[in-house]
PDB file of N, CA and C in Angstrom:
ATOM      1  N   MET A   1      63.612  73.087 105.482  1.00  0.00           N
ATOM      2  CA  MET A   1      64.579  72.765 104.436  1.00  0.00           C
ATOM      3  C   MET A   1      64.794  74.000 103.569  1.00  0.00           C
ATOM      4  N   GLY A   2      66.040  74.287 103.298  1.00  0.00           N
ATOM      5  CA  GLY A   2      66.363  75.429 102.458  1.00  0.00           C
ATOM      6  C   GLY A   2      66.440  75.036 100.993  1.00  0.00           C
ATOM      7  N   LYS A   3      66.296  76.013 100.161  1.00  0.00           N
ATOM      8  CA  LYS A   3      66.415  75.765  98.722  1.00  0.00           C
ATOM      9  C   LYS A   3      67.884  75.734  98.332  1.00  0.00           C
ATOM     10  N   GLN A   4      68.202  74.973  97.307  1.00  0.00           N
ATOM     11  CA  GLN A   4      69.567  74.923  96.800  1.00  0.00           C
ATOM     12  C   GLN A   4      69.805  76.112  95.884  1.00  0.00           C
ATOM     13  N   LEU A   5      71.043  76.577  95.891  1.00  0.00           N
ATOM     14  CA  LEU A   5      71.412  77.690  95.016  1.00  0.00           C
ATOM     15  C   LEU A   5      71.590  77.186  93.587  1.00  0.00           C
ATOM     16  N   SER A   6      71.336  78.058  92.662  1.00  0.00           N
ATOM     17  CA  SER A   6      71.582  77.699  91.272  1.00  0.00           C
ATOM     18  C   SER A   6      73.086  77.651  91.028  1.00  0.00           C
ATOM     19  N   SER A   7      73.498  77.049  89.934  1.00  0.00           N
ATOM     20  CA  SER A   7      74.926  76.932  89.650  1.00  0.00           C
ATOM     21  C   SER A   7      75.551  78.316  89.448  1.00  0.00           C
ATOM     22  N   LYS A   8      74.792  79.240  88.914  1.00  0.00           N
ATOM     23  CA  LYS A   8      75.288  80.602  88.714  1.00  0.00           C
ATOM     24  C   LYS A   8      75.533  81.284  90.064  1.00  0.00           C
ATOM     25  N   ALA A   9      74.616  81.083  91.010  1.00  0.00           N
ATOM     26  CA  ALA A   9      74.762  81.670  92.342  1.00  0.00           C
ATOM     27  C   ALA A   9      75.926  81.036  93.094  1.00  0.00           C
ATOM     28  N   VAL A  10      76.123  79.754  92.922  1.00  0.00           N
ATOM     29  CA  VAL A  10      77.239  79.061  93.574  1.00  0.00           C
ATOM     30  C   VAL A  10      78.565  79.606  93.054  1.00  0.00           C
ATOM     31  N   THR A  11      78.673  79.788  91.757  1.00  0.00           N
ATOM     32  CA  THR A  11      79.888  80.327  91.156  1.00  0.00           C
ATOM     33  C   THR A  11      80.169  81.731  91.671  1.00  0.00           C
ATOM     34  N   LYS A  12      79.138  82.548  91.748  1.00  0.00           N
ATOM     35  CA  LYS A  12      79.301  83.916  92.232  1.00  0.00           C
ATOM     36  C   LYS A  12      79.747  83.915  93.688  1.00  0.00           C
ATOM     37  N   THR A  13      79.170  83.058  94.505  1.00  0.00           N
ATOM     38  CA  THR A  13      79.516  82.970  95.921  1.00  0.00           C
ATOM     39  C   THR A  13      80.961  82.521  96.093  1.00  0.00           C
ATOM     40  N   ARG A  14      81.404  81.566  95.302  1.00  0.00           N
ATOM     41  CA  ARG A  14      82.790  81.088  95.382  1.00  0.00           C
ATOM     42  C   ARG A  14      83.773  82.169  94.982  1.00  0.00           C
ATOM     43  N   ARG A  15      83.448  82.945  93.959  1.00  0.00           N
ATOM     44  CA  ARG A  15      84.330  84.039  93.535  1.00  0.00           C
ATOM     45  C   ARG A  15      84.442  85.099  94.627  1.00  0.00           C
ATOM     46  N   ILE A  16      83.341  85.417  95.252  1.00  0.00           N
ATOM     47  CA  ILE A  16      83.354  86.409  96.329  1.00  0.00           C
ATOM     48  C   ILE A  16      84.187  85.894  97.504  1.00  0.00           C
ATOM     49  N   ALA A  17      84.023  84.634  97.843  1.00  0.00           N
ATOM     50  CA  ALA A  17      84.785  84.047  98.944  1.00  0.00           C
ATOM     51  C   ALA A  17      86.279  84.042  98.633  1.00  0.00           C
ATOM     52  N   SER A  18      86.634  83.756  97.409  1.00  0.00           N
ATOM     53  CA  SER A  18      88.033  83.754  97.006  1.00  0.00           C
ATOM     54  C   SER A  18      88.624  85.158  97.104  1.00  0.00           C
ATOM     55  N   ALA A  19      87.879  86.148  96.648  1.00  0.00           N
ATOM     56  CA  ALA A  19      88.351  87.532  96.726  1.00  0.00           C
ATOM     57  C   ALA A  19      88.479  87.974  98.177  1.00  0.00           C
ATOM     58  N   ARG A  20      87.562  87.552  99.018  1.00  0.00           N
ATOM     59  CA  ARG A  20      87.593  87.925 100.438  1.00  0.00           C
ATOM     60  C   ARG A  20      88.858  87.398 101.099  1.00  0.00           C
ATOM     61  N   ILE A  21      89.287  86.199 100.738  1.00  0.00           N
ATOM     62  CA  ILE A  21      90.511  85.624 101.299  1.00  0.00           C
ATOM     63  C   ILE A  21      91.711  86.486 100.931  1.00  0.00           C
ATOM     64  N   HIS A  22      91.785  86.916  99.678  1.00  0.00           N
ATOM     65  CA  HIS A  22      92.904  87.747  99.231  1.00  0.00           C
ATOM     66  C   HIS A  22      92.914  89.088  99.952  1.00  0.00           C
ATOM     67  N   VAL A  23      91.745  89.672 100.134  1.00  0.00           N
ATOM     68  CA  VAL A  23      91.649  90.956 100.821  1.00  0.00           C
ATOM     69  C   VAL A  23      92.104  90.815 102.269  1.00  0.00           C
ATOM     70  N   GLU A  24      91.691  89.744 102.935  1.00  0.00           N
ATOM     71  CA  GLU A  24      92.090  89.523 104.324  1.00  0.00           C
ATOM     72  C   GLU A  24      93.594  89.326 104.436  1.00  0.00           C
ATOM     73  N   ARG A  25      94.194  88.637 103.490  1.00  0.00           N
ATOM     74  CA  ARG A  25      95.648  88.462 103.512  1.00  0.00           C
ATOM     75  C   ARG A  25      96.360  89.786 103.310  1.00  0.00           C
ATOM     76  N   ALA A  26      95.855  90.610 102.400  1.00  0.00           N
ATOM     77  CA  ALA A  26      96.465  91.918 102.147  1.00  0.00           C
ATOM     78  C   ALA A  26      96.363  92.811 103.382  1.00  0.00           C
ATOM     79  N   ILE A  27      95.227  92.805 104.043  1.00  0.00           N
ATOM     80  CA  ILE A  27      95.055  93.595 105.267  1.00  0.00           C
ATOM     81  C   ILE A  27      95.991  93.083 106.353  1.00  0.00           C
ATOM     82  N   GLY A  28      96.153  91.774 106.428  1.00  0.00           N
ATOM     83  CA  GLY A  28      97.070  91.190 107.407  1.00  0.00           C
ATOM     84  C   GLY A  28      98.500  91.645 107.185  1.00  0.00           C
ATOM     85  N   ARG A  29      98.923  91.722 105.941  1.00  0.00           N
ATOM     86  CA  ARG A  29     100.269  92.211 105.639  1.00  0.00           C
ATOM     87  C   ARG A  29     100.423  93.666 106.056  1.00  0.00           C
ATOM     88  N   LEU A  30      99.406  94.448 105.822  1.00  0.00           N
ATOM     89  CA  LEU A  30      99.463  95.858 106.182  1.00  0.00           C
ATOM     90  C   LEU A  30      99.565  96.027 107.694  1.00  0.00           C
ATOM     91  N   LYS A  31      98.898  95.172 108.435  1.00  0.00           N
ATOM     92  CA  LYS A  31      98.929  95.251 109.892  1.00  0.00           C
ATOM     93  C   LYS A  31     100.271  94.834 110.474  1.00  0.00           C
ATOM     94  N   ASN A  32     101.108  94.165 109.702  1.00  0.00           N
ATOM     95  CA  ASN A  32     102.406  93.709 110.195  1.00  0.00           C
ATOM     96  C   ASN A  32     103.414  94.839 110.366  1.00  0.00           C
ATOM     97  N   TYR A  33     103.165  95.996 109.780  1.00  0.00           N
ATOM     98  CA  TYR A  33     104.095  97.109 109.923  1.00  0.00           C
ATOM     99  C   TYR A  33     104.036  97.618 111.356  1.00  0.00           C
ATOM    100  N   LYS A  34     105.184  97.674 111.981  1.00  0.00           N
ATOM    101  CA  LYS A  34     105.252  98.015 113.408  1.00  0.00           C
ATOM    102  C   LYS A  34     104.778  99.437 113.680  1.00  0.00           C
ATOM    103  N   ILE A  35     104.823 100.292 112.695  1.00  0.00           N
ATOM    104  CA  ILE A  35     104.421 101.679 112.897  1.00  0.00           C
ATOM    105  C   ILE A  35     102.953 101.790 113.301  1.00  0.00           C
ATOM    106  N   PHE A  36     102.144 100.783 112.944  1.00  0.00           N
ATOM    107  CA  PHE A  36     100.724 100.813 113.264  1.00  0.00           C
ATOM    108  C   PHE A  36     100.377  99.947 114.477  1.00  0.00           C
ATOM    109  N   GLN A  37     101.365  99.335 115.109  1.00  0.00           N
ATOM    110  CA  GLN A  37     101.071  98.426 116.215  1.00  0.00           C
ATOM    111  C   GLN A  37     100.965  99.128 117.559  1.00  0.00           C
ATOM    112  N   GLY A  38     101.414 100.356 117.626  1.00  0.00           N
ATOM    113  CA  GLY A  38     101.310 101.103 118.868  1.00  0.00           C
ATOM    114  C   GLY A  38     100.371 102.284 118.677  1.00  0.00           C
ATOM    115  N   ILE A  39     100.462 103.200 119.590  1.00  0.00           N
ATOM    116  CA  ILE A  39      99.653 104.416 119.509  1.00  0.00           C
ATOM    117  C   ILE A  39     100.385 105.410 118.611  1.00  0.00           C
ATOM    118  N   VAL A  40      99.696 105.959 117.646  1.00  0.00           N
ATOM    119  CA  VAL A  40     100.287 106.952 116.752  1.00  0.00           C
ATOM    120  C   VAL A  40     100.201 108.307 117.464  1.00  0.00           C
ATOM    121  N   PRO A  41     101.337 108.982 117.629  1.00  0.00           N
ATOM    122  CA  PRO A  41     101.316 110.274 118.319  1.00  0.00           C
ATOM    123  C   PRO A  41     100.428 111.294 117.594  1.00  0.00           C
ATOM    124  N   LEU A  42      99.847 112.172 118.358  1.00  0.00           N
ATOM    125  CA  LEU A  42      98.937 113.168 117.806  1.00  0.00           C
ATOM    126  C   LEU A  42      99.652 114.093 116.821  1.00  0.00           C
ATOM    127  N   LYS A  43     100.957 114.267 117.002  1.00  0.00           N
ATOM    128  CA  LYS A  43     101.738 115.099 116.075  1.00  0.00           C
ATOM    129  C   LYS A  43     101.700 114.545 114.653  1.00  0.00           C
ATOM    130  N   LEU A  44     101.603 113.222 114.541  1.00  0.00           N
ATOM    131  CA  LEU A  44     101.638 112.568 113.233  1.00  0.00           C
ATOM    132  C   LEU A  44     100.260 112.463 112.583  1.00  0.00           C
ATOM    133  N   HIS A  45      99.249 112.963 113.229  1.00  0.00           N
ATOM    134  CA  HIS A  45      97.880 112.856 112.707  1.00  0.00           C
ATOM    135  C   HIS A  45      97.760 113.336 111.265  1.00  0.00           C
ATOM    136  N   PRO A  46      98.372 114.478 110.892  1.00  0.00           N
ATOM    137  CA  PRO A  46      98.247 114.917 109.489  1.00  0.00           C
ATOM    138  C   PRO A  46      98.925 113.974 108.490  1.00  0.00           C
ATOM    139  N   LEU A  47      99.828 113.151 108.958  1.00  0.00           N
ATOM    140  CA  LEU A  47     100.593 112.281 108.063  1.00  0.00           C
ATOM    141  C   LEU A  47     100.094 110.845 108.003  1.00  0.00           C
ATOM    142  N   VAL A  48      99.077 110.511 108.780  1.00  0.00           N
ATOM    143  CA  VAL A  48      98.631 109.115 108.874  1.00  0.00           C
ATOM    144  C   VAL A  48      98.204 108.577 107.512  1.00  0.00           C
ATOM    145  N   ASP A  49      97.474 109.357 106.728  1.00  0.00           N
ATOM    146  CA  ASP A  49      97.049 108.886 105.405  1.00  0.00           C
ATOM    147  C   ASP A  49      98.243 108.552 104.520  1.00  0.00           C
ATOM    148  N   GLN A  50      99.255 109.393 104.566  1.00  0.00           N
ATOM    149  CA  GLN A  50     100.451 109.141 103.756  1.00  0.00           C
ATOM    150  C   GLN A  50     101.219 107.929 104.271  1.00  0.00           C
ATOM    151  N   MET A  51     101.234 107.737 105.580  1.00  0.00           N
ATOM    152  CA  MET A  51     101.903 106.569 106.154  1.00  0.00           C
ATOM    153  C   MET A  51     101.226 105.288 105.688  1.00  0.00           C
ATOM    154  N   ILE A  52      99.911 105.281 105.705  1.00  0.00           N
ATOM    155  CA  ILE A  52      99.173 104.104 105.238  1.00  0.00           C
ATOM    156  C   ILE A  52      99.423 103.873 103.759  1.00  0.00           C
ATOM    157  N   LEU A  53      99.454 104.940 102.976  1.00  0.00           N
ATOM    158  CA  LEU A  53      99.698 104.828 101.538  1.00  0.00           C
ATOM    159  C   LEU A  53     101.063 104.203 101.261  1.00  0.00           C
ATOM    160  N   VAL A  54     102.082 104.655 101.985  1.00  0.00           N
ATOM    161  CA  VAL A  54     103.434 104.110 101.785  1.00  0.00           C
ATOM    162  C   VAL A  54     103.493 102.642 102.174  1.00  0.00           C
ATOM    163  N   CYS A  55     102.898 102.297 103.308  1.00  0.00           N
ATOM    164  CA  CYS A  55     102.901 100.889 103.746  1.00  0.00           C
ATOM    165  C   CYS A  55     102.130 100.005 102.771  1.00  0.00           C
ATOM    166  N   ALA A  56     101.015 100.510 102.247  1.00  0.00           N
ATOM    167  CA  ALA A  56     100.242  99.747 101.263  1.00  0.00           C
ATOM    168  C   ALA A  56     101.045  99.560  99.977  1.00  0.00           C
ATOM    169  N   ALA A  57     101.776 100.596  99.561  1.00  0.00           N
ATOM    170  CA  ALA A  57     102.611 100.476  98.363  1.00  0.00           C
ATOM    171  C   ALA A  57     103.705  99.435  98.584  1.00  0.00           C
ATOM    172  N   LEU A  58     104.296  99.433  99.773  1.00  0.00           N
ATOM    173  CA  LEU A  58     105.324  98.428 100.071  1.00  0.00           C
ATOM    174  C   LEU A  58     104.739  97.019 100.083  1.00  0.00           C
ATOM    175  N   CYS A  59     103.523  96.882 100.558  1.00  0.00           N
ATOM    176  CA  CYS A  59     102.853  95.572 100.529  1.00  0.00           C
ATOM    177  C   CYS A  59     102.636  95.112  99.086  1.00  0.00           C
ATOM    178  N   ASN A  60     102.290  96.053  98.225  1.00  0.00           N
ATOM    179  CA  ASN A  60     102.070  95.702  96.825  1.00  0.00           C
ATOM    180  C   ASN A  60     103.357  95.273  96.130  1.00  0.00           C
ATOM    181  N   LEU A  61     104.504  95.759  96.605  1.00  0.00           N
ATOM    182  CA  LEU A  61     105.790  95.373  96.017  1.00  0.00           C
ATOM    183  C   LEU A  61     106.285  94.046  96.568  1.00  0.00           C
ATOM    184  N   ASP A  62     105.643  93.551  97.607  1.00  0.00           N
ATOM    185  CA  ASP A  62     106.029  92.293  98.229  1.00  0.00           C
ATOM    186  C   ASP A  62     105.647  91.120  97.306  1.00  0.00           C
ATOM    187  N   LEU A  63     106.006  89.944  97.729  1.00  0.00           N
ATOM    188  CA  LEU A  63     105.669  88.748  96.946  1.00  0.00           C
ATOM    189  C   LEU A  63     104.167  88.578  96.806  1.00  0.00           C
ATOM    190  N   ARG A  64     103.776  87.674  95.942  1.00  0.00           N
ATOM    191  CA  ARG A  64     102.356  87.412  95.706  1.00  0.00           C
ATOM    192  C   ARG A  64     101.644  86.983  96.987  1.00  0.00           C
ATOM    193  N   LEU A  65     100.346  87.266  97.047  1.00  0.00           N
ATOM    194  CA  LEU A  65      99.534  86.844  98.191  1.00  0.00           C
ATOM    195  C   LEU A  65      99.233  85.355  98.129  1.00  0.00           C
ATOM    196  N   VAL A  66      99.070  84.844  96.922  1.00  0.00           N
ATOM    197  CA  VAL A  66      98.692  83.446  96.723  1.00  0.00           C
ATOM    198  C   VAL A  66      99.811  82.746  95.981  1.00  0.00           C
ATOM    199  N   LYS A  67     100.137  81.541  96.433  1.00  0.00           N
ATOM    200  CA  LYS A  67     101.205  80.784  95.772  1.00  0.00           C
ATOM    201  C   LYS A  67     100.637  79.811  94.789  1.00  0.00           C
TER     202      LYS A  67
END
């Protein structure tokens, strides 16, 4: 038999789980950009960080993650 968590630990666990859901949704939106769905050519290697930054900024301008 396991011990029960204290109410403080339960609250902390729920907050972490809630944040994890939001992070997973945000990552899912980022993965929807077609530019990342194929193989990125080696020529674009120096620009990959900037490409991710732009796509992440566009995701942030999108509608809310949670309704």
